[in-house]
Amino acid sequence: MVLHMENGSVNTLERTLDVKIPIVYLFREADKRLKDLSKTIKRPGFRPGKVPLAQVAKEYGAEVRQEALSELLTYYFEQEVKKNNLSVAGLIRFDTVDSDDTHYCFKAVYETYPVVEFNNLSQLELEKPVAVLTEEDLDRTFLLMRKQASTFTPVHRAAREDDRLSIRFHGRINGESISQGEFEQAQLIIGEGRFHRDFETPLIGHSTGDVLNITVHFPDDYAAKKVAGKSVDFEISILGVEEREIPELDEAFIRSVGIKDGTLASFRTEVEKNLARELHFRHRSIWKDRVF
């Protein structure tokens, strides 16, 4: 894969890398994932693993491409960090910037370690962060994991929060079409925030077959510079509405996430162990920030 990265500076600790990923490589990775997924999908009228790839792509294509893109960005960012011996304290985010016909373009924003001159620290007092895992933390994590394993079923009703919609849309500024502003088919889950909130919210209450026209006002600091500070008129056609079905916290689900004995006790122990590890690293990060 050809990965183009340029180093820039945001402030004394933040740095940026301009990342360009060839579209052809992203779709190649997404196609591989869709083929793997098609082997496990079950649909009425088809034997297990025999659902046509086109149908799998229609249902899951947008999500699979997003997952592939996220992993490719992280992986190749880490490779460039190692190759160029960059001093990275942590990756903050990937911002979308204007793309061209052959590449998806992003700006990786990360933090570097500060250069510190140590003086007499004997009188310095620091408050060490203390936190413990609670039942609420575990419950939230259980729900998040179940939502990540959700399935979606087509429904014939108006769209609600948390529904997944298949849409076609076309964006214009002052009547002129904008690059990357037209999709024949895209998917979004209302409320997840992958699209601008003023794009998602008006979809609530509309059904399959509806066409609506909305105007979205993008802030001046919006990552995609082509629409930053501008108003974009969108024509949106709703192609389908699907309802999320969250699996029960039962033996089948627990086994599906890798707990071999399928018991809630083992699942709870594993989740608690992972959360404790994340909390430990978070404490280290906060402690580092307070020290520096």
C-alpha atoms as a PDB file:
ATOM      1  CA  MET A   1       0.000   0.000   0.000  1.00  0.00           C
ATOM      2  CA  VAL A   2       1.168   3.505  -0.807  1.00  0.00           C
ATOM      3  CA  LEU A   3       0.786   5.715   2.241  1.00  0.00           C
ATOM      4  CA  HIS A   4       1.564   9.405   2.008  1.00  0.00           C
ATOM      5  CA  MET A   5       2.252  11.161   5.318  1.00  0.00           C
ATOM      6  CA  GLU A   6       3.473  14.676   6.038  1.00  0.00           C
ATOM      7  CA  ASN A   7       4.432  15.974   9.462  1.00  0.00           C
ATOM      8  CA  GLY A   8       3.012  19.262  10.714  1.00  0.00           C
ATOM      9  CA  SER A   9       2.644  21.147  13.994  1.00  0.00           C
ATOM     10  CA  VAL A  10      -0.545  22.245  15.745  1.00  0.00           C
ATOM     11  CA  ASN A  11       0.892  23.527  19.039  1.00  0.00           C
ATOM     12  CA  THR A  12       3.804  22.767  21.346  1.00  0.00           C
ATOM     13  CA  LEU A  13       2.634  19.204  22.016  1.00  0.00           C
ATOM     14  CA  GLU A  14       0.291  18.346  19.159  1.00  0.00           C
ATOM     15  CA  ARG A  15       1.524  17.249  15.756  1.00  0.00           C
ATOM     16  CA  THR A  16      -0.299  16.235  12.587  1.00  0.00           C
ATOM     17  CA  LEU A  17       0.292  13.726   9.830  1.00  0.00           C
ATOM     18  CA  ASP A  18      -1.520  14.067   6.523  1.00  0.00           C
ATOM     19  CA  VAL A  19      -2.627  10.579   5.521  1.00  0.00           C
ATOM     20  CA  LYS A  20      -3.686   9.558   2.025  1.00  0.00           C
ATOM     21  CA  ILE A  21      -4.981   6.026   1.538  1.00  0.00           C
ATOM     22  CA  PRO A  22      -5.679   4.847  -2.030  1.00  0.00           C
ATOM     23  CA  ILE A  23      -9.384   4.123  -2.435  1.00  0.00           C
ATOM     24  CA  VAL A  24      -8.657   0.926  -4.380  1.00  0.00           C
ATOM     25  CA  TYR A  25      -6.813  -0.590  -1.414  1.00  0.00           C
ATOM     26  CA  LEU A  26      -9.603   0.282   0.996  1.00  0.00           C
ATOM     27  CA  PHE A  27     -12.227  -1.383  -1.187  1.00  0.00           C
ATOM     28  CA  ARG A  28      -9.972  -4.403  -1.678  1.00  0.00           C
ATOM     29  CA  GLU A  29      -9.770  -4.845   2.111  1.00  0.00           C
ATOM     30  CA  ALA A  30     -13.520  -4.257   2.489  1.00  0.00           C
ATOM     31  CA  ASP A  31     -14.298  -6.835  -0.227  1.00  0.00           C
ATOM     32  CA  LYS A  32     -12.153  -9.405   1.593  1.00  0.00           C
ATOM     33  CA  ARG A  33     -14.045  -8.756   4.821  1.00  0.00           C
ATOM     34  CA  LEU A  34     -17.415  -8.989   3.061  1.00  0.00           C
ATOM     35  CA  LYS A  35     -16.450 -12.351   1.569  1.00  0.00           C
ATOM     36  CA  ASP A  36     -15.447 -13.617   5.016  1.00  0.00           C
ATOM     37  CA  LEU A  37     -18.682 -12.258   6.476  1.00  0.00           C
ATOM     38  CA  SER A  38     -20.782 -13.912   3.743  1.00  0.00           C
ATOM     39  CA  LYS A  39     -19.582 -17.311   4.972  1.00  0.00           C
ATOM     40  CA  THR A  40     -21.332 -16.801   8.323  1.00  0.00           C
ATOM     41  CA  ILE A  41     -24.492 -14.895   7.356  1.00  0.00           C
ATOM     42  CA  LYS A  42     -27.812 -16.761   7.559  1.00  0.00           C
ATOM     43  CA  ARG A  43     -30.871 -15.637   5.602  1.00  0.00           C
ATOM     44  CA  PRO A  44     -34.198 -17.334   4.839  1.00  0.00           C
ATOM     45  CA  GLY A  45     -34.080 -19.183   1.544  1.00  0.00           C
ATOM     46  CA  PHE A  46     -30.316 -19.665   1.543  1.00  0.00           C
ATOM     47  CA  ARG A  47     -28.089 -22.317   3.012  1.00  0.00           C
ATOM     48  CA  PRO A  48     -25.647 -21.055   5.688  1.00  0.00           C
ATOM     49  CA  GLY A  49     -22.758 -19.298   4.005  1.00  0.00           C
ATOM     50  CA  LYS A  50     -24.536 -19.174   0.616  1.00  0.00           C
ATOM     51  CA  VAL A  51     -26.133 -15.727   0.826  1.00  0.00           C
ATOM     52  CA  PRO A  52     -25.171 -13.825  -2.385  1.00  0.00           C
ATOM     53  CA  LEU A  53     -22.260 -11.470  -1.879  1.00  0.00           C
ATOM     54  CA  ALA A  54     -24.240  -8.623  -3.445  1.00  0.00           C
ATOM     55  CA  GLN A  55     -26.915  -8.948  -0.754  1.00  0.00           C
ATOM     56  CA  VAL A  56     -24.297  -9.052   2.008  1.00  0.00           C
ATOM     57  CA  ALA A  57     -22.665  -5.933   0.538  1.00  0.00           C
ATOM     58  CA  LYS A  58     -26.020  -4.148   0.397  1.00  0.00           C
ATOM     59  CA  GLU A  59     -26.704  -4.855   4.074  1.00  0.00           C
ATOM     60  CA  TYR A  60     -23.242  -4.478   5.566  1.00  0.00           C
ATOM     61  CA  GLY A  61     -21.075  -2.743   2.958  1.00  0.00           C
ATOM     62  CA  ALA A  62     -21.016   0.709   4.571  1.00  0.00           C
ATOM     63  CA  GLU A  63     -20.201  -0.639   8.042  1.00  0.00           C
ATOM     64  CA  VAL A  64     -17.537  -2.998   6.759  1.00  0.00           C
ATOM     65  CA  ARG A  65     -15.825  -0.220   4.777  1.00  0.00           C
ATOM     66  CA  GLN A  66     -15.843   2.026   7.854  1.00  0.00           C
ATOM     67  CA  GLU A  67     -14.310  -0.719  10.010  1.00  0.00           C
ATOM     68  CA  ALA A  68     -11.681  -1.453   7.373  1.00  0.00           C
ATOM     69  CA  LEU A  69     -10.840   2.234   7.051  1.00  0.00           C
ATOM     70  CA  SER A  70     -10.478   2.686  10.820  1.00  0.00           C
ATOM     71  CA  GLU A  71      -8.138  -0.274  11.141  1.00  0.00           C
ATOM     72  CA  LEU A  72      -6.077   0.703   8.096  1.00  0.00           C
ATOM     73  CA  LEU A  73      -5.616   4.232   9.408  1.00  0.00           C
ATOM     74  CA  THR A  74      -4.489   3.068  12.830  1.00  0.00           C
ATOM     75  CA  TYR A  75      -2.220   0.342  11.501  1.00  0.00           C
ATOM     76  CA  TYR A  76      -0.400   2.483   8.967  1.00  0.00           C
ATOM     77  CA  PHE A  77      -0.138   5.409  11.341  1.00  0.00           C
ATOM     78  CA  GLU A  78       1.667   3.114  13.810  1.00  0.00           C
ATOM     79  CA  GLN A  79       3.916   1.810  11.021  1.00  0.00           C
ATOM     80  CA  GLU A  80       4.947   5.341  10.067  1.00  0.00           C
ATOM     81  CA  VAL A  81       5.603   6.191  13.705  1.00  0.00           C
ATOM     82  CA  LYS A  82       8.006   3.246  13.971  1.00  0.00           C
ATOM     83  CA  LYS A  83       9.646   3.886  10.600  1.00  0.00           C
ATOM     84  CA  ASN A  84      10.312   7.554  11.295  1.00  0.00           C
ATOM     85  CA  ASN A  85      11.055   7.104  15.004  1.00  0.00           C
ATOM     86  CA  LEU A  86       8.432   9.678  15.949  1.00  0.00           C
ATOM     87  CA  SER A  87       7.926  10.537  19.615  1.00  0.00           C
ATOM     88  CA  VAL A  88       4.217   9.866  20.092  1.00  0.00           C
ATOM     89  CA  ALA A  89       2.544  10.152  23.472  1.00  0.00           C
ATOM     90  CA  GLY A  90      -0.882   9.255  22.082  1.00  0.00           C
ATOM     91  CA  LEU A  91      -3.104   9.399  19.018  1.00  0.00           C
ATOM     92  CA  ILE A  92      -5.932  11.891  19.508  1.00  0.00           C
ATOM     93  CA  ARG A  93      -8.052  11.536  16.374  1.00  0.00           C
ATOM     94  CA  PHE A  94      -8.264  11.275  12.609  1.00  0.00           C
ATOM     95  CA  ASP A  95      -9.925  14.289  10.977  1.00  0.00           C
ATOM     96  CA  THR A  96     -11.485  13.982   7.537  1.00  0.00           C
ATOM     97  CA  VAL A  97     -10.150  16.424   4.963  1.00  0.00           C
ATOM     98  CA  ASP A  98     -11.001  16.910   1.309  1.00  0.00           C
ATOM     99  CA  SER A  99     -10.485  13.709  -0.676  1.00  0.00           C
ATOM    100  CA  ASP A 100      -9.788  13.315  -4.380  1.00  0.00           C
ATOM    101  CA  ASP A 101     -10.894  10.738  -6.939  1.00  0.00           C
ATOM    102  CA  THR A 102      -8.198   8.232  -5.991  1.00  0.00           C
ATOM    103  CA  HIS A 103      -7.496   8.734  -2.284  1.00  0.00           C
ATOM    104  CA  TYR A 104      -9.253   9.127   1.036  1.00  0.00           C
ATOM    105  CA  CYS A 105      -7.495  11.924   2.900  1.00  0.00           C
ATOM    106  CA  PHE A 106      -7.220  12.330   6.663  1.00  0.00           C
ATOM    107  CA  LYS A 107      -5.248  14.362   9.149  1.00  0.00           C
ATOM    108  CA  ALA A 108      -3.938  12.343  12.088  1.00  0.00           C
ATOM    109  CA  VAL A 109      -3.587  14.481  15.205  1.00  0.00           C
ATOM    110  CA  TYR A 110      -1.268  13.115  17.887  1.00  0.00           C
ATOM    111  CA  GLU A 111       0.623  14.314  20.953  1.00  0.00           C
ATOM    112  CA  THR A 112       4.364  14.253  21.498  1.00  0.00           C
ATOM    113  CA  TYR A 113       6.189  14.080  24.808  1.00  0.00           C
ATOM    114  CA  PRO A 114       7.271  17.476  26.120  1.00  0.00           C
ATOM    115  CA  VAL A 115      10.876  18.404  26.701  1.00  0.00           C
ATOM    116  CA  VAL A 116      11.159  19.073  30.429  1.00  0.00           C
ATOM    117  CA  GLU A 117      13.919  20.675  32.438  1.00  0.00           C
ATOM    118  CA  PHE A 118      13.832  19.329  35.989  1.00  0.00           C
ATOM    119  CA  ASN A 119      14.397  21.738  38.840  1.00  0.00           C
ATOM    120  CA  ASN A 120      14.092  21.071  42.568  1.00  0.00           C
ATOM    121  CA  LEU A 121      10.994  18.889  42.886  1.00  0.00           C
ATOM    122  CA  SER A 122      11.252  18.167  46.615  1.00  0.00           C
ATOM    123  CA  GLN A 123       8.422  20.581  47.477  1.00  0.00           C
ATOM    124  CA  LEU A 124       6.151  19.533  44.634  1.00  0.00           C
ATOM    125  CA  GLU A 125       2.801  18.027  45.653  1.00  0.00           C
ATOM    126  CA  LEU A 126       0.710  15.998  43.232  1.00  0.00           C
ATOM    127  CA  GLU A 127      -2.681  14.397  43.714  1.00  0.00           C
ATOM    128  CA  LYS A 128      -2.656  10.847  42.420  1.00  0.00           C
ATOM    129  CA  PRO A 129      -5.897   9.891  40.653  1.00  0.00           C
ATOM    130  CA  VAL A 130      -7.929   7.164  42.294  1.00  0.00           C
ATOM    131  CA  ALA A 131     -10.822   5.330  40.680  1.00  0.00           C
ATOM    132  CA  VAL A 132     -12.543   1.999  41.128  1.00  0.00           C
ATOM    133  CA  LEU A 133     -14.730  -0.041  38.829  1.00  0.00           C
ATOM    134  CA  THR A 134     -18.412   0.016  39.683  1.00  0.00           C
ATOM    135  CA  GLU A 135     -21.409  -2.105  38.788  1.00  0.00           C
ATOM    136  CA  GLU A 136     -22.529   0.730  36.506  1.00  0.00           C
ATOM    137  CA  ASP A 137     -19.229   0.520  34.611  1.00  0.00           C
ATOM    138  CA  LEU A 138     -19.725  -3.198  34.049  1.00  0.00           C
ATOM    139  CA  ASP A 139     -23.374  -2.783  33.019  1.00  0.00           C
ATOM    140  CA  ARG A 140     -22.459  -0.081  30.487  1.00  0.00           C
ATOM    141  CA  THR A 141     -19.734  -2.299  29.038  1.00  0.00           C
ATOM    142  CA  PHE A 142     -22.079  -5.292  28.817  1.00  0.00           C
ATOM    143  CA  LEU A 143     -24.627  -3.160  26.935  1.00  0.00           C
ATOM    144  CA  LEU A 144     -21.975  -1.738  24.608  1.00  0.00           C
ATOM    145  CA  MET A 145     -20.733  -5.221  23.726  1.00  0.00           C
ATOM    146  CA  ARG A 146     -24.263  -6.417  23.078  1.00  0.00           C
ATOM    147  CA  LYS A 147     -24.987  -3.407  20.872  1.00  0.00           C
ATOM    148  CA  GLN A 148     -21.830  -4.105  18.884  1.00  0.00           C
ATOM    149  CA  ALA A 149     -23.222  -7.577  18.187  1.00  0.00           C
ATOM    150  CA  SER A 150     -26.603  -6.242  17.100  1.00  0.00           C
ATOM    151  CA  THR A 151     -28.475  -7.469  14.056  1.00  0.00           C
ATOM    152  CA  PHE A 152     -30.832  -5.303  12.021  1.00  0.00           C
ATOM    153  CA  THR A 153     -34.241  -6.296  10.661  1.00  0.00           C
ATOM    154  CA  PRO A 154     -36.150  -4.391   7.936  1.00  0.00           C
ATOM    155  CA  VAL A 155     -39.293  -2.692   9.265  1.00  0.00           C
ATOM    156  CA  HIS A 156     -42.206  -0.889   7.616  1.00  0.00           C
ATOM    157  CA  ARG A 157     -42.597   2.131   9.869  1.00  0.00           C
ATOM    158  CA  ALA A 158     -41.201   5.594  10.411  1.00  0.00           C
ATOM    159  CA  ALA A 159     -37.541   5.820  11.433  1.00  0.00           C
ATOM    160  CA  ARG A 160     -36.647   6.216  15.097  1.00  0.00           C
ATOM    161  CA  GLU A 161     -33.508   6.913  17.097  1.00  0.00           C
ATOM    162  CA  ASP A 162     -31.082   3.961  16.863  1.00  0.00           C
ATOM    163  CA  ASP A 163     -32.571   2.634  13.601  1.00  0.00           C
ATOM    164  CA  ARG A 164     -30.252   1.893  10.696  1.00  0.00           C
ATOM    165  CA  LEU A 165     -31.187   3.627   7.460  1.00  0.00           C
ATOM    166  CA  SER A 166     -30.090   2.995   3.899  1.00  0.00           C
ATOM    167  CA  ILE A 167     -30.131   6.295   2.058  1.00  0.00           C
ATOM    168  CA  ARG A 168     -29.193   7.977  -1.203  1.00  0.00           C
ATOM    169  CA  PHE A 169     -28.180  11.631  -1.010  1.00  0.00           C
ATOM    170  CA  HIS A 170     -26.833  14.475  -3.099  1.00  0.00           C
ATOM    171  CA  GLY A 171     -25.264  17.633  -1.648  1.00  0.00           C
ATOM    172  CA  ARG A 172     -25.071  21.041  -3.305  1.00  0.00           C
ATOM    173  CA  ILE A 173     -23.663  24.433  -2.403  1.00  0.00           C
ATOM    174  CA  ASN A 174     -25.420  27.301  -4.155  1.00  0.00           C
ATOM    175  CA  GLY A 175     -26.822  24.785  -6.623  1.00  0.00           C
ATOM    176  CA  GLU A 176     -23.426  23.287  -7.485  1.00  0.00           C
ATOM    177  CA  SER A 177     -22.704  19.628  -6.716  1.00  0.00           C
ATOM    178  CA  ILE A 178     -19.852  19.058  -4.288  1.00  0.00           C
ATOM    179  CA  SER A 179     -17.124  16.423  -4.463  1.00  0.00           C
ATOM    180  CA  GLN A 180     -17.731  13.481  -2.111  1.00  0.00           C
ATOM    181  CA  GLY A 181     -21.237  14.850  -1.527  1.00  0.00           C
ATOM    182  CA  GLU A 182     -23.184  12.286  -3.546  1.00  0.00           C
ATOM    183  CA  PHE A 183     -23.766   8.636  -2.641  1.00  0.00           C
ATOM    184  CA  GLU A 184     -26.081   6.197  -4.369  1.00  0.00           C
ATOM    185  CA  GLN A 185     -26.232   4.105  -1.203  1.00  0.00           C
ATOM    186  CA  ALA A 186     -24.982   4.814   2.283  1.00  0.00           C
ATOM    187  CA  GLN A 187     -25.928   3.589   5.723  1.00  0.00           C
ATOM    188  CA  LEU A 188     -26.210   5.403   9.013  1.00  0.00           C
ATOM    189  CA  ILE A 189     -27.520   4.622  12.475  1.00  0.00           C
ATOM    190  CA  ILE A 190     -29.529   7.548  13.777  1.00  0.00           C
ATOM    191  CA  GLY A 191     -27.896   8.934  16.892  1.00  0.00           C
ATOM    192  CA  GLU A 192     -24.430   7.405  16.437  1.00  0.00           C
ATOM    193  CA  GLY A 193     -23.027  10.699  15.194  1.00  0.00           C
ATOM    194  CA  ARG A 194     -21.172   9.430  12.112  1.00  0.00           C
ATOM    195  CA  PHE A 195     -22.980  12.143  10.153  1.00  0.00           C
ATOM    196  CA  HIS A 196     -23.614  15.742  11.194  1.00  0.00           C
ATOM    197  CA  ARG A 197     -26.441  15.838  13.748  1.00  0.00           C
ATOM    198  CA  ASP A 198     -28.447  18.237  11.529  1.00  0.00           C
ATOM    199  CA  PHE A 199     -28.215  15.607   8.786  1.00  0.00           C
ATOM    200  CA  GLU A 200     -29.321  12.692  10.990  1.00  0.00           C
ATOM    201  CA  THR A 201     -32.060  14.229  13.133  1.00  0.00           C
ATOM    202  CA  PRO A 202     -34.470  15.231  10.307  1.00  0.00           C
ATOM    203  CA  LEU A 203     -34.571  11.587   9.193  1.00  0.00           C
ATOM    204  CA  ILE A 204     -36.543  10.633  12.304  1.00  0.00           C
ATOM    205  CA  GLY A 205     -40.219  10.141  11.446  1.00  0.00           C
ATOM    206  CA  HIS A 206     -39.622   9.364   7.764  1.00  0.00           C
ATOM    207  CA  SER A 207     -40.198   6.022   6.080  1.00  0.00           C
ATOM    208  CA  THR A 208     -38.893   3.982   3.160  1.00  0.00           C
ATOM    209  CA  GLY A 209     -39.577   5.810  -0.089  1.00  0.00           C
ATOM    210  CA  ASP A 210     -39.628   9.277   1.449  1.00  0.00           C
ATOM    211  CA  VAL A 211     -37.542  12.033  -0.111  1.00  0.00           C
ATOM    212  CA  LEU A 212     -36.615  15.056   1.964  1.00  0.00           C
ATOM    213  CA  ASN A 213     -34.637  18.210   1.354  1.00  0.00           C
ATOM    214  CA  ILE A 214     -32.647  19.706   4.196  1.00  0.00           C
ATOM    215  CA  THR A 215     -29.975  22.344   4.689  1.00  0.00           C
ATOM    216  CA  VAL A 216     -27.016  21.625   6.963  1.00  0.00           C
ATOM    217  CA  HIS A 217     -24.889  24.484   8.290  1.00  0.00           C
ATOM    218  CA  PHE A 218     -21.293  23.332   8.883  1.00  0.00           C
ATOM    219  CA  PRO A 219     -19.149  25.181  11.480  1.00  0.00           C
ATOM    220  CA  ASP A 220     -16.085  27.174  10.454  1.00  0.00           C
ATOM    221  CA  ASP A 221     -13.744  24.631  12.073  1.00  0.00           C
ATOM    222  CA  TYR A 222     -15.326  21.606  10.386  1.00  0.00           C
ATOM    223  CA  ALA A 223     -12.672  19.079   9.305  1.00  0.00           C
ATOM    224  CA  ALA A 224     -13.773  18.897   5.664  1.00  0.00           C
ATOM    225  CA  LYS A 225     -12.602  22.331   4.516  1.00  0.00           C
ATOM    226  CA  LYS A 226     -14.706  22.257   1.360  1.00  0.00           C
ATOM    227  CA  VAL A 227     -17.908  22.628   3.417  1.00  0.00           C
ATOM    228  CA  ALA A 228     -16.515  24.349   6.544  1.00  0.00           C
ATOM    229  CA  GLY A 229     -18.445  27.518   7.314  1.00  0.00           C
ATOM    230  CA  LYS A 230     -20.942  26.844   4.522  1.00  0.00           C
ATOM    231  CA  SER A 231     -24.525  25.731   4.109  1.00  0.00           C
ATOM    232  CA  VAL A 232     -25.074  22.568   2.090  1.00  0.00           C
ATOM    233  CA  ASP A 233     -28.439  21.602   0.596  1.00  0.00           C
ATOM    234  CA  PHE A 234     -29.067  17.854   0.648  1.00  0.00           C
ATOM    235  CA  GLU A 235     -31.685  15.801  -1.140  1.00  0.00           C
ATOM    236  CA  ILE A 236     -32.059  12.533   0.760  1.00  0.00           C
ATOM    237  CA  SER A 237     -33.978   9.465  -0.376  1.00  0.00           C
ATOM    238  CA  ILE A 238     -34.717   6.808   2.232  1.00  0.00           C
ATOM    239  CA  LEU A 239     -34.163   3.378   0.700  1.00  0.00           C
ATOM    240  CA  GLY A 240     -34.817   1.283   3.785  1.00  0.00           C
ATOM    241  CA  VAL A 241     -35.359   1.339   7.553  1.00  0.00           C
ATOM    242  CA  GLU A 242     -34.026  -1.384   9.855  1.00  0.00           C
ATOM    243  CA  GLU A 243     -34.603  -1.920  13.559  1.00  0.00           C
ATOM    244  CA  ARG A 244     -31.730  -2.859  15.849  1.00  0.00           C
ATOM    245  CA  GLU A 245     -32.048  -6.147  17.694  1.00  0.00           C
ATOM    246  CA  ILE A 246     -29.692  -6.404  20.665  1.00  0.00           C
ATOM    247  CA  PRO A 247     -28.815  -9.971  21.701  1.00  0.00           C
ATOM    248  CA  GLU A 248     -29.663 -11.168  25.181  1.00  0.00           C
ATOM    249  CA  LEU A 249     -26.880 -11.580  27.723  1.00  0.00           C
ATOM    250  CA  ASP A 250     -27.179 -15.369  27.565  1.00  0.00           C
ATOM    251  CA  GLU A 251     -24.922 -18.358  27.063  1.00  0.00           C
ATOM    252  CA  ALA A 252     -24.963 -18.074  23.260  1.00  0.00           C
ATOM    253  CA  PHE A 253     -23.854 -14.461  23.330  1.00  0.00           C
ATOM    254  CA  ILE A 254     -21.191 -15.080  25.984  1.00  0.00           C
ATOM    255  CA  ARG A 255     -19.725 -17.943  23.936  1.00  0.00           C
ATOM    256  CA  SER A 256     -19.761 -15.734  20.818  1.00  0.00           C
ATOM    257  CA  VAL A 257     -17.363 -13.273  22.473  1.00  0.00           C
ATOM    258  CA  GLY A 258     -14.853 -15.960  23.307  1.00  0.00           C
ATOM    259  CA  ILE A 259     -15.866 -17.206  26.768  1.00  0.00           C
ATOM    260  CA  LYS A 260     -15.720 -20.962  26.238  1.00  0.00           C
ATOM    261  CA  ASP A 261     -17.795 -22.091  29.201  1.00  0.00           C
ATOM    262  CA  GLY A 262     -20.551 -19.596  28.399  1.00  0.00           C
ATOM    263  CA  THR A 263     -21.146 -18.605  32.014  1.00  0.00           C
ATOM    264  CA  LEU A 264     -21.957 -15.104  33.198  1.00  0.00           C
ATOM    265  CA  ALA A 265     -19.406 -15.399  35.990  1.00  0.00           C
ATOM    266  CA  SER A 266     -16.527 -16.086  33.585  1.00  0.00           C
ATOM    267  CA  PHE A 267     -17.733 -13.336  31.263  1.00  0.00           C
ATOM    268  CA  ARG A 268     -17.910 -10.855  34.117  1.00  0.00           C
ATOM    269  CA  THR A 269     -14.411 -11.803  35.305  1.00  0.00           C
ATOM    270  CA  GLU A 270     -12.931 -11.324  31.827  1.00  0.00           C
ATOM    271  CA  VAL A 271     -14.648  -7.981  31.259  1.00  0.00           C
ATOM    272  CA  GLU A 272     -13.657  -6.752  34.705  1.00  0.00           C
ATOM    273  CA  LYS A 273     -10.038  -7.739  34.055  1.00  0.00           C
ATOM    274  CA  ASN A 274      -9.989  -5.858  30.724  1.00  0.00           C
ATOM    275  CA  LEU A 275     -11.605  -2.771  32.240  1.00  0.00           C
ATOM    276  CA  ALA A 276      -9.104  -2.789  35.098  1.00  0.00           C
ATOM    277  CA  ARG A 277      -6.256  -2.884  32.588  1.00  0.00           C
ATOM    278  CA  GLU A 278      -7.736   0.044  30.649  1.00  0.00           C
ATOM    279  CA  LEU A 279      -8.239   1.958  33.889  1.00  0.00           C
ATOM    280  CA  HIS A 280      -4.610   1.343  34.829  1.00  0.00           C
ATOM    281  CA  PHE A 281      -3.354   2.799  31.541  1.00  0.00           C
ATOM    282  CA  ARG A 282      -5.762   5.715  31.871  1.00  0.00           C
ATOM    283  CA  HIS A 283      -4.393   6.449  35.356  1.00  0.00           C
ATOM    284  CA  ARG A 284      -0.865   6.402  33.974  1.00  0.00           C
ATOM    285  CA  SER A 285      -1.869   8.868  31.261  1.00  0.00           C
ATOM    286  CA  ILE A 286      -3.533  11.242  33.747  1.00  0.00           C
ATOM    287  CA  TRP A 287      -0.565  10.929  36.106  1.00  0.00           C
ATOM    288  CA  LYS A 288       1.809  11.745  33.266  1.00  0.00           C
ATOM    289  CA  ASP A 289      -0.245  14.830  32.367  1.00  0.00           C
ATOM    290  CA  ARG A 290      -0.164  16.077  35.951  1.00  0.00           C
ATOM    291  CA  VAL A 291       3.564  15.530  36.283  1.00  0.00           C
ATOM    292  CA  PHE A 292       4.339  17.379  33.070  1.00  0.00           C
END
